Structures are given as C-alpha cells and as structure tokens.
Amino acid sequence: MIKHVVIWKFKENEEAAMRRFLDALESLRPIIPEIIEMETGINVNPENDYDAILISKFESFEALDRYKNHPEHIKASALCKEIRIDRKAIDFVC
C-alpha cells in the first residue's frame, strides 16, 4: 500500500476557492476506483505554515499514477494551481 500525503499553502483571501478545491478532491472517491482511502483537512493552527492537507491510500504506485492522471483529478488540480502558493508531497509504503 502507498500513502500519498500532500500539503498546500494558498494565496490570501482564497478560502472559498480552497474549500471548493477540497470538496472537488473529496468528490473523486466514488469516481476513481483506485482511491482506497481519502481524507482532507484544513489547518486550524495559525502558527502552522500550510493551510490544507490530503492523505490518501492506494494499492500501488501504478494506482496512484492512474489517480493522478484521471481527467477528474486533473480538473480539480487545475483549480488548486490557480490559488496555491506552495505544495509539498510525500509518498510512502504503509
């Protein structure tokens, strides 16, 4: 199993767009069968540098790649790219 963890920092005053983006990610669960688990969250600690997180689980790196290249994921990612300042990701075997 592979866990895929992503954190984002968004531009100021983009809270509504950030929530739309996270909702779009959550909506992928029933659409993309490769997603085993998915959780998103919004940072509640103002001392942290990043605003939101995605934690997802896939059977393999190939399944993760299919998720990343799925047209609906690409559409959600396009919104993110418009409003983010930074993105960090890590994938690990679990």
PDB file of N, CA and C in Angstrom:
ATOM      1  N   MET A   1       0.832  -1.180   0.000  1.00  0.00           N
ATOM      2  CA  MET A   1       0.000   0.000   0.000  1.00  0.00           C
ATOM      3  C   MET A   1       0.881   1.249   0.000  1.00  0.00           C
ATOM      4  N   ILE A   2       0.364   2.268  -0.650  1.00  0.00           N
ATOM      5  CA  ILE A   2       1.071   3.554  -0.739  1.00  0.00           C
ATOM      6  C   ILE A   2       0.196   4.628  -0.113  1.00  0.00           C
ATOM      7  N   LYS A   3       0.771   5.409   0.784  1.00  0.00           N
ATOM      8  CA  LYS A   3       0.092   6.602   1.294  1.00  0.00           C
ATOM      9  C   LYS A   3       0.670   7.800   0.557  1.00  0.00           C
ATOM     10  N   HIS A   4      -0.230   8.653   0.116  1.00  0.00           N
ATOM     11  CA  HIS A   4       0.100   9.868  -0.626  1.00  0.00           C
ATOM     12  C   HIS A   4      -0.374  11.038   0.233  1.00  0.00           C
ATOM     13  N   VAL A   5       0.571  11.854   0.687  1.00  0.00           N
ATOM     14  CA  VAL A   5       0.263  12.970   1.569  1.00  0.00           C
ATOM     15  C   VAL A   5       0.688  14.258   0.875  1.00  0.00           C
ATOM     16  N   VAL A   6      -0.231  15.214   0.804  1.00  0.00           N
ATOM     17  CA  VAL A   6       0.041  16.498   0.153  1.00  0.00           C
ATOM     18  C   VAL A   6      -0.411  17.609   1.089  1.00  0.00           C
ATOM     19  N   ILE A   7       0.409  18.659   1.198  1.00  0.00           N
ATOM     20  CA  ILE A   7       0.009  19.861   1.928  1.00  0.00           C
ATOM     21  C   ILE A   7       0.131  21.058   0.998  1.00  0.00           C
ATOM     22  N   TRP A   8      -0.755  22.032   1.207  1.00  0.00           N
ATOM     23  CA  TRP A   8      -0.772  23.221   0.361  1.00  0.00           C
ATOM     24  C   TRP A   8      -0.797  24.479   1.200  1.00  0.00           C
ATOM     25  N   LYS A   9      -0.198  25.518   0.658  1.00  0.00           N
ATOM     26  CA  LYS A   9      -0.334  26.880   1.164  1.00  0.00           C
ATOM     27  C   LYS A   9      -1.023  27.654   0.054  1.00  0.00           C
ATOM     28  N   PHE A  10      -2.114  28.336   0.406  1.00  0.00           N
ATOM     29  CA  PHE A  10      -2.905  29.049  -0.582  1.00  0.00           C
ATOM     30  C   PHE A  10      -2.709  30.556  -0.475  1.00  0.00           C
ATOM     31  N   LYS A  11      -3.009  31.240  -1.553  1.00  0.00           N
ATOM     32  CA  LYS A  11      -2.963  32.698  -1.569  1.00  0.00           C
ATOM     33  C   LYS A  11      -3.954  33.249  -0.548  1.00  0.00           C
ATOM     34  N   GLU A  12      -3.682  34.444  -0.073  1.00  0.00           N
ATOM     35  CA  GLU A  12      -4.608  35.094   0.858  1.00  0.00           C
ATOM     36  C   GLU A  12      -5.951  35.321   0.185  1.00  0.00           C
ATOM     37  N   ASN A  13      -6.997  35.291   0.989  1.00  0.00           N
ATOM     38  CA  ASN A  13      -8.365  35.550   0.541  1.00  0.00           C
ATOM     39  C   ASN A  13      -8.878  34.534  -0.465  1.00  0.00           C
ATOM     40  N   GLU A  14      -8.368  33.311  -0.411  1.00  0.00           N
ATOM     41  CA  GLU A  14      -8.825  32.246  -1.319  1.00  0.00           C
ATOM     42  C   GLU A  14      -9.502  31.112  -0.550  1.00  0.00           C
ATOM     43  N   GLU A  15     -10.033  31.419   0.641  1.00  0.00           N
ATOM     44  CA  GLU A  15     -10.634  30.380   1.475  1.00  0.00           C
ATOM     45  C   GLU A  15     -11.791  29.675   0.763  1.00  0.00           C
ATOM     46  N   ALA A  16     -12.648  30.437   0.102  1.00  0.00           N
ATOM     47  CA  ALA A  16     -13.797  29.823  -0.581  1.00  0.00           C
ATOM     48  C   ALA A  16     -13.322  28.910  -1.711  1.00  0.00           C
ATOM     49  N   ALA A  17     -12.341  29.362  -2.477  1.00  0.00           N
ATOM     50  CA  ALA A  17     -11.803  28.539  -3.562  1.00  0.00           C
ATOM     51  C   ALA A  17     -11.091  27.312  -3.000  1.00  0.00           C
ATOM     52  N   MET A  18     -10.390  27.473  -1.879  1.00  0.00           N
ATOM     53  CA  MET A  18      -9.728  26.335  -1.247  1.00  0.00           C
ATOM     54  C   MET A  18     -10.761  25.282  -0.850  1.00  0.00           C
ATOM     55  N   ARG A  19     -11.866  25.707  -0.269  1.00  0.00           N
ATOM     56  CA  ARG A  19     -12.921  24.763   0.130  1.00  0.00           C
ATOM     57  C   ARG A  19     -13.531  24.077  -1.097  1.00  0.00           C
ATOM     58  N   ARG A  20     -13.721  24.829  -2.187  1.00  0.00           N
ATOM     59  CA  ARG A  20     -14.218  24.211  -3.429  1.00  0.00           C
ATOM     60  C   ARG A  20     -13.244  23.155  -3.929  1.00  0.00           C
ATOM     61  N   PHE A  21     -11.949  23.457  -3.876  1.00  0.00           N
ATOM     62  CA  PHE A  21     -10.923  22.515  -4.305  1.00  0.00           C
ATOM     63  C   PHE A  21     -10.965  21.248  -3.444  1.00  0.00           C
ATOM     64  N   LEU A  22     -11.009  21.404  -2.123  1.00  0.00           N
ATOM     65  CA  LEU A  22     -11.030  20.237  -1.240  1.00  0.00           C
ATOM     66  C   LEU A  22     -12.309  19.427  -1.443  1.00  0.00           C
ATOM     67  N   ASP A  23     -13.433  20.099  -1.659  1.00  0.00           N
ATOM     68  CA  ASP A  23     -14.681  19.385  -1.972  1.00  0.00           C
ATOM     69  C   ASP A  23     -14.544  18.616  -3.284  1.00  0.00           C
ATOM     70  N   ALA A  24     -13.878  19.230  -4.262  1.00  0.00           N
ATOM     71  CA  ALA A  24     -13.664  18.551  -5.546  1.00  0.00           C
ATOM     72  C   ALA A  24     -12.821  17.293  -5.348  1.00  0.00           C
ATOM     73  N   LEU A  25     -11.788  17.381  -4.513  1.00  0.00           N
ATOM     74  CA  LEU A  25     -10.978  16.189  -4.225  1.00  0.00           C
ATOM     75  C   LEU A  25     -11.830  15.109  -3.567  1.00  0.00           C
ATOM     76  N   GLU A  26     -12.599  15.482  -2.564  1.00  0.00           N
ATOM     77  CA  GLU A  26     -13.452  14.512  -1.863  1.00  0.00           C
ATOM     78  C   GLU A  26     -14.453  13.859  -2.818  1.00  0.00           C
ATOM     79  N   SER A  27     -14.911  14.604  -3.800  1.00  0.00           N
ATOM     80  CA  SER A  27     -15.897  14.063  -4.750  1.00  0.00           C
ATOM     81  C   SER A  27     -15.296  12.994  -5.663  1.00  0.00           C
ATOM     82  N   LEU A  28     -13.978  12.870  -5.674  1.00  0.00           N
ATOM     83  CA  LEU A  28     -13.312  11.878  -6.527  1.00  0.00           C
ATOM     84  C   LEU A  28     -13.431  10.459  -5.976  1.00  0.00           C
ATOM     85  N   ARG A  29     -13.716  10.319  -4.695  1.00  0.00           N
ATOM     86  CA  ARG A  29     -13.775   8.982  -4.076  1.00  0.00           C
ATOM     87  C   ARG A  29     -14.647   8.000  -4.851  1.00  0.00           C
ATOM     88  N   PRO A  30     -15.901   8.338  -5.145  1.00  0.00           N
ATOM     89  CA  PRO A  30     -16.733   7.359  -5.861  1.00  0.00           C
ATOM     90  C   PRO A  30     -16.438   7.274  -7.361  1.00  0.00           C
ATOM     91  N   ILE A  31     -15.654   8.198  -7.868  1.00  0.00           N
ATOM     92  CA  ILE A  31     -15.384   8.264  -9.308  1.00  0.00           C
ATOM     93  C   ILE A  31     -14.129   7.493  -9.697  1.00  0.00           C
ATOM     94  N   ILE A  32     -13.108   7.546  -8.848  1.00  0.00           N
ATOM     95  CA  ILE A  32     -11.814   6.938  -9.168  1.00  0.00           C
ATOM     96  C   ILE A  32     -11.627   5.701  -8.282  1.00  0.00           C
ATOM     97  N   PRO A  33     -11.773   4.514  -8.866  1.00  0.00           N
ATOM     98  CA  PRO A  33     -11.749   3.290  -8.052  1.00  0.00           C
ATOM     99  C   PRO A  33     -10.400   3.006  -7.387  1.00  0.00           C
ATOM    100  N   GLU A  34      -9.338   3.609  -7.858  1.00  0.00           N
ATOM    101  CA  GLU A  34      -8.009   3.372  -7.263  1.00  0.00           C
ATOM    102  C   GLU A  34      -7.891   3.951  -5.852  1.00  0.00           C
ATOM    103  N   ILE A  35      -8.750   4.893  -5.495  1.00  0.00           N
ATOM    104  CA  ILE A  35      -8.688   5.505  -4.164  1.00  0.00           C
ATOM    105  C   ILE A  35      -9.220   4.503  -3.137  1.00  0.00           C
ATOM    106  N   ILE A  36      -8.347   4.062  -2.260  1.00  0.00           N
ATOM    107  CA  ILE A  36      -8.760   3.155  -1.185  1.00  0.00           C
ATOM    108  C   ILE A  36      -9.288   3.974  -0.011  1.00  0.00           C
ATOM    109  N   GLU A  37      -8.549   5.006   0.358  1.00  0.00           N
ATOM    110  CA  GLU A  37      -8.958   5.919   1.428  1.00  0.00           C
ATOM    111  C   GLU A  37      -8.565   7.326   1.016  1.00  0.00           C
ATOM    112  N   MET A  38      -9.343   8.305   1.504  1.00  0.00           N
ATOM    113  CA  MET A  38      -9.005   9.694   1.234  1.00  0.00           C
ATOM    114  C   MET A  38      -9.554  10.550   2.363  1.00  0.00           C
ATOM    115  N   GLU A  39      -8.711  11.465   2.829  1.00  0.00           N
ATOM    116  CA  GLU A  39      -9.118  12.395   3.872  1.00  0.00           C
ATOM    117  C   GLU A  39      -8.490  13.744   3.554  1.00  0.00           C
ATOM    118  N   THR A  40      -9.269  14.792   3.676  1.00  0.00           N
ATOM    119  CA  THR A  40      -8.746  16.142   3.521  1.00  0.00           C
ATOM    120  C   THR A  40      -9.006  16.899   4.815  1.00  0.00           C
ATOM    121  N   GLY A  41      -8.208  17.910   5.050  1.00  0.00           N
ATOM    122  CA  GLY A  41      -8.403  18.726   6.241  1.00  0.00           C
ATOM    123  C   GLY A  41      -7.862  20.125   6.042  1.00  0.00           C
ATOM    124  N   ILE A  42      -8.416  21.039   6.831  1.00  0.00           N
ATOM    125  CA  ILE A  42      -7.990  22.441   6.815  1.00  0.00           C
ATOM    126  C   ILE A  42      -7.286  22.725   8.136  1.00  0.00           C
ATOM    127  N   ASN A  43      -6.139  23.350   8.051  1.00  0.00           N
ATOM    128  CA  ASN A  43      -5.349  23.677   9.222  1.00  0.00           C
ATOM    129  C   ASN A  43      -6.144  24.584  10.170  1.00  0.00           C
ATOM    130  N   VAL A  44      -6.079  24.283  11.471  1.00  0.00           N
ATOM    131  CA  VAL A  44      -6.752  25.107  12.474  1.00  0.00           C
ATOM    132  C   VAL A  44      -5.755  25.818  13.392  1.00  0.00           C
ATOM    133  N   ASN A  45      -4.472  25.609  13.160  1.00  0.00           N
ATOM    134  CA  ASN A  45      -3.441  26.228  13.993  1.00  0.00           C
ATOM    135  C   ASN A  45      -2.799  27.372  13.218  1.00  0.00           C
ATOM    136  N   PRO A  46      -3.037  28.614  13.591  1.00  0.00           N
ATOM    137  CA  PRO A  46      -2.487  29.756  12.843  1.00  0.00           C
ATOM    138  C   PRO A  46      -0.960  29.833  12.861  1.00  0.00           C
ATOM    139  N   GLU A  47      -0.314  29.068  13.729  1.00  0.00           N
ATOM    140  CA  GLU A  47       1.148  29.073  13.775  1.00  0.00           C
ATOM    141  C   GLU A  47       1.766  28.184  12.699  1.00  0.00           C
ATOM    142  N   ASN A  48       0.957  27.327  12.063  1.00  0.00           N
ATOM    143  CA  ASN A  48       1.461  26.452  11.005  1.00  0.00           C
ATOM    144  C   ASN A  48       1.548  27.221   9.689  1.00  0.00           C
ATOM    145  N   ASP A  49       2.474  26.791   8.828  1.00  0.00           N
ATOM    146  CA  ASP A  49       2.709  27.475   7.560  1.00  0.00           C
ATOM    147  C   ASP A  49       1.775  27.048   6.437  1.00  0.00           C
ATOM    148  N   TYR A  50       1.182  25.871   6.533  1.00  0.00           N
ATOM    149  CA  TYR A  50       0.371  25.354   5.426  1.00  0.00           C
ATOM    150  C   TYR A  50      -1.105  25.334   5.812  1.00  0.00           C
ATOM    151  N   ASP A  51      -1.956  25.388   4.796  1.00  0.00           N
ATOM    152  CA  ASP A  51      -3.385  25.598   5.003  1.00  0.00           C
ATOM    153  C   ASP A  51      -4.243  24.338   4.940  1.00  0.00           C
ATOM    154  N   ALA A  52      -3.857  23.356   4.154  1.00  0.00           N
ATOM    155  CA  ALA A  52      -4.709  22.187   3.958  1.00  0.00           C
ATOM    156  C   ALA A  52      -3.858  20.955   3.675  1.00  0.00           C
ATOM    157  N   ILE A  53      -4.493  19.796   3.877  1.00  0.00           N
ATOM    158  CA  ILE A  53      -3.795  18.520   3.698  1.00  0.00           C
ATOM    159  C   ILE A  53      -4.706  17.511   2.996  1.00  0.00           C
ATOM    160  N   LEU A  54      -4.073  16.622   2.262  1.00  0.00           N
ATOM    161  CA  LEU A  54      -4.722  15.445   1.694  1.00  0.00           C
ATOM    162  C   LEU A  54      -3.917  14.233   2.146  1.00  0.00           C
ATOM    163  N   ILE A  55      -4.612  13.231   2.684  1.00  0.00           N
ATOM    164  CA  ILE A  55      -3.991  11.946   2.998  1.00  0.00           C
ATOM    165  C   ILE A  55      -4.805  10.902   2.258  1.00  0.00           C
ATOM    166  N   SER A  56      -4.161  10.183   1.356  1.00  0.00           N
ATOM    167  CA  SER A  56      -4.881   9.176   0.574  1.00  0.00           C
ATOM    168  C   SER A  56      -4.061   7.891   0.508  1.00  0.00           C
ATOM    169  N   LYS A  57      -4.762   6.809   0.193  1.00  0.00           N
ATOM    170  CA  LYS A  57      -4.127   5.485   0.195  1.00  0.00           C
ATOM    171  C   LYS A  57      -4.468   4.773  -1.104  1.00  0.00           C
ATOM    172  N   PHE A  58      -3.440   4.123  -1.675  1.00  0.00           N
ATOM    173  CA  PHE A  58      -3.565   3.413  -2.952  1.00  0.00           C
ATOM    174  C   PHE A  58      -2.878   2.056  -2.845  1.00  0.00           C
ATOM    175  N   GLU A  59      -3.303   1.140  -3.679  1.00  0.00           N
ATOM    176  CA  GLU A  59      -2.758  -0.217  -3.678  1.00  0.00           C
ATOM    177  C   GLU A  59      -1.289  -0.237  -4.125  1.00  0.00           C
ATOM    178  N   SER A  60      -0.925   0.659  -5.049  1.00  0.00           N
ATOM    179  CA  SER A  60       0.417   0.635  -5.633  1.00  0.00           C
ATOM    180  C   SER A  60       0.740   2.002  -6.231  1.00  0.00           C
ATOM    181  N   PHE A  61       1.992   2.184  -6.638  1.00  0.00           N
ATOM    182  CA  PHE A  61       2.367   3.418  -7.331  1.00  0.00           C
ATOM    183  C   PHE A  61       1.644   3.530  -8.668  1.00  0.00           C
ATOM    184  N   GLU A  62       1.372   2.400  -9.307  1.00  0.00           N
ATOM    185  CA  GLU A  62       0.629   2.416 -10.576  1.00  0.00           C
ATOM    186  C   GLU A  62      -0.793   2.939 -10.356  1.00  0.00           C
ATOM    187  N   ALA A  63      -1.414   2.509  -9.267  1.00  0.00           N
ATOM    188  CA  ALA A  63      -2.759   3.003  -8.937  1.00  0.00           C
ATOM    189  C   ALA A  63      -2.723   4.497  -8.628  1.00  0.00           C
ATOM    190  N   LEU A  64      -1.688   4.937  -7.930  1.00  0.00           N
ATOM    191  CA  LEU A  64      -1.515   6.361  -7.644  1.00  0.00           C
ATOM    192  C   LEU A  64      -1.362   7.144  -8.943  1.00  0.00           C
ATOM    193  N   ASP A  65      -0.596   6.616  -9.874  1.00  0.00           N
ATOM    194  CA  ASP A  65      -0.421   7.290 -11.172  1.00  0.00           C
ATOM    195  C   ASP A  65      -1.740   7.371 -11.947  1.00  0.00           C
ATOM    196  N   ARG A  66      -2.543   6.321 -11.897  1.00  0.00           N
ATOM    197  CA  ARG A  66      -3.850   6.361 -12.568  1.00  0.00           C
ATOM    198  C   ARG A  66      -4.732   7.440 -11.949  1.00  0.00           C
ATOM    199  N   TYR A  67      -4.698   7.552 -10.636  1.00  0.00           N
ATOM    200  CA  TYR A  67      -5.435   8.612  -9.935  1.00  0.00           C
ATOM    201  C   TYR A  67      -4.957   9.987 -10.394  1.00  0.00           C
ATOM    202  N   LYS A  68      -3.647  10.194 -10.379  1.00  0.00           N
ATOM    203  CA  LYS A  68      -3.089  11.497 -10.750  1.00  0.00           C
ATOM    204  C   LYS A  68      -3.435  11.884 -12.187  1.00  0.00           C
ATOM    205  N   ASN A  69      -3.559  10.908 -13.068  1.00  0.00           N
ATOM    206  CA  ASN A  69      -3.816  11.177 -14.479  1.00  0.00           C
ATOM    207  C   ASN A  69      -5.285  11.077 -14.866  1.00  0.00           C
ATOM    208  N   HIS A  70      -6.144  10.796 -13.916  1.00  0.00           N
ATOM    209  CA  HIS A  70      -7.579  10.723 -14.198  1.00  0.00           C
ATOM    210  C   HIS A  70      -8.086  12.125 -14.564  1.00  0.00           C
ATOM    211  N   PRO A  71      -8.907  12.254 -15.590  1.00  0.00           N
ATOM    212  CA  PRO A  71      -9.385  13.582 -16.029  1.00  0.00           C
ATOM    213  C   PRO A  71     -10.062  14.393 -14.920  1.00  0.00           C
ATOM    214  N   GLU A  72     -10.783  13.742 -14.018  1.00  0.00           N
ATOM    215  CA  GLU A  72     -11.444  14.488 -12.941  1.00  0.00           C
ATOM    216  C   GLU A  72     -10.438  15.004 -11.918  1.00  0.00           C
ATOM    217  N   HIS A  73      -9.371  14.236 -11.674  1.00  0.00           N
ATOM    218  CA  HIS A  73      -8.316  14.720 -10.777  1.00  0.00           C
ATOM    219  C   HIS A  73      -7.581  15.889 -11.417  1.00  0.00           C
ATOM    220  N   ILE A  74      -7.325  15.788 -12.686  1.00  0.00           N
ATOM    221  CA  ILE A  74      -6.644  16.872 -13.400  1.00  0.00           C
ATOM    222  C   ILE A  74      -7.475  18.152 -13.331  1.00  0.00           C
ATOM    223  N   LYS A  75      -8.792  18.022 -13.451  1.00  0.00           N
ATOM    224  CA  LYS A  75      -9.678  19.182 -13.367  1.00  0.00           C
ATOM    225  C   LYS A  75      -9.605  19.823 -11.972  1.00  0.00           C
ATOM    226  N   ALA A  76      -9.640  19.007 -10.933  1.00  0.00           N
ATOM    227  CA  ALA A  76      -9.538  19.533  -9.568  1.00  0.00           C
ATOM    228  C   ALA A  76      -8.181  20.186  -9.342  1.00  0.00           C
ATOM    229  N   SER A  77      -7.137  19.572  -9.859  1.00  0.00           N
ATOM    230  CA  SER A  77      -5.789  20.115  -9.698  1.00  0.00           C
ATOM    231  C   SER A  77      -5.628  21.471 -10.389  1.00  0.00           C
ATOM    232  N   ALA A  78      -6.339  21.675 -11.470  1.00  0.00           N
ATOM    233  CA  ALA A  78      -6.251  22.949 -12.190  1.00  0.00           C
ATOM    234  C   ALA A  78      -6.703  24.097 -11.294  1.00  0.00           C
ATOM    235  N   LEU A  79      -7.776  23.894 -10.544  1.00  0.00           N
ATOM    236  CA  LEU A  79      -8.234  24.922  -9.607  1.00  0.00           C
ATOM    237  C   LEU A  79      -7.168  25.181  -8.559  1.00  0.00           C
ATOM    238  N   CYS A  80      -6.589  24.120  -8.025  1.00  0.00           N
ATOM    239  CA  CYS A  80      -5.561  24.254  -6.999  1.00  0.00           C
ATOM    240  C   CYS A  80      -4.379  25.078  -7.504  1.00  0.00           C
ATOM    241  N   LYS A  81      -3.946  24.807  -8.708  1.00  0.00           N
ATOM    242  CA  LYS A  81      -2.781  25.508  -9.254  1.00  0.00           C
ATOM    243  C   LYS A  81      -3.022  27.008  -9.374  1.00  0.00           C
ATOM    244  N   GLU A  82      -4.282  27.412  -9.557  1.00  0.00           N
ATOM    245  CA  GLU A  82      -4.617  28.832  -9.669  1.00  0.00           C
ATOM    246  C   GLU A  82      -4.538  29.556  -8.327  1.00  0.00           C
ATOM    247  N   ILE A  83      -4.745  28.840  -7.227  1.00  0.00           N
ATOM    248  CA  ILE A  83      -4.879  29.501  -5.927  1.00  0.00           C
ATOM    249  C   ILE A  83      -3.772  29.174  -4.931  1.00  0.00           C
ATOM    250  N   ARG A  84      -2.883  28.268  -5.278  1.00  0.00           N
ATOM    251  CA  ARG A  84      -1.859  27.882  -4.306  1.00  0.00           C
ATOM    252  C   ARG A  84      -0.586  28.708  -4.455  1.00  0.00           C
ATOM    253  N   ILE A  85       0.118  28.792  -3.352  1.00  0.00           N
ATOM    254  CA  ILE A  85       1.448  29.407  -3.317  1.00  0.00           C
ATOM    255  C   ILE A  85       2.502  28.321  -3.332  1.00  0.00           C
ATOM    256  N   ASP A  86       2.222  27.237  -2.593  1.00  0.00           N
ATOM    257  CA  ASP A  86       3.206  26.166  -2.469  1.00  0.00           C
ATOM    258  C   ASP A  86       2.486  24.836  -2.268  1.00  0.00           C
ATOM    259  N   ARG A  87       3.201  23.773  -2.616  1.00  0.00           N
ATOM    260  CA  ARG A  87       2.695  22.408  -2.468  1.00  0.00           C
ATOM    261  C   ARG A  87       3.862  21.517  -2.097  1.00  0.00           C
ATOM    262  N   LYS A  88       3.654  20.653  -1.137  1.00  0.00           N
ATOM    263  CA  LYS A  88       4.638  19.646  -0.747  1.00  0.00           C
ATOM    264  C   LYS A  88       3.933  18.303  -0.741  1.00  0.00           C
ATOM    265  N   ALA A  89       4.640  17.249  -1.138  1.00  0.00           N
ATOM    266  CA  ALA A  89       4.049  15.917  -1.156  1.00  0.00           C
ATOM    267  C   ALA A  89       5.081  14.889  -0.733  1.00  0.00           C
ATOM    268  N   ILE A  90       4.549  13.787  -0.202  1.00  0.00           N
ATOM    269  CA  ILE A  90       5.385  12.642   0.138  1.00  0.00           C
ATOM    270  C   ILE A  90       4.550  11.388  -0.090  1.00  0.00           C
ATOM    271  N   ASP A  91       5.191  10.364  -0.607  1.00  0.00           N
ATOM    272  CA  ASP A  91       4.555   9.054  -0.810  1.00  0.00           C
ATOM    273  C   ASP A  91       5.384   8.033  -0.038  1.00  0.00           C
ATOM    274  N   PHE A  92       4.718   7.157   0.690  1.00  0.00           N
ATOM    275  CA  PHE A  92       5.450   6.147   1.428  1.00  0.00           C
ATOM    276  C   PHE A  92       4.674   4.844   1.477  1.00  0.00           C
ATOM    277  N   VAL A  93       5.405   3.761   1.694  1.00  0.00           N
ATOM    278  CA  VAL A  93       4.816   2.431   1.789  1.00  0.00           C
ATOM    279  C   VAL A  93       4.257   2.263   3.191  1.00  0.00           C
ATOM    280  N   CYS A  94       3.038   1.765   3.258  1.00  0.00           N
ATOM    281  CA  CYS A  94       2.424   1.550   4.587  1.00  0.00           C
ATOM    282  C   CYS A  94       1.937   0.118   4.712  1.00  0.00           C
TER     283      CYS A  94
END
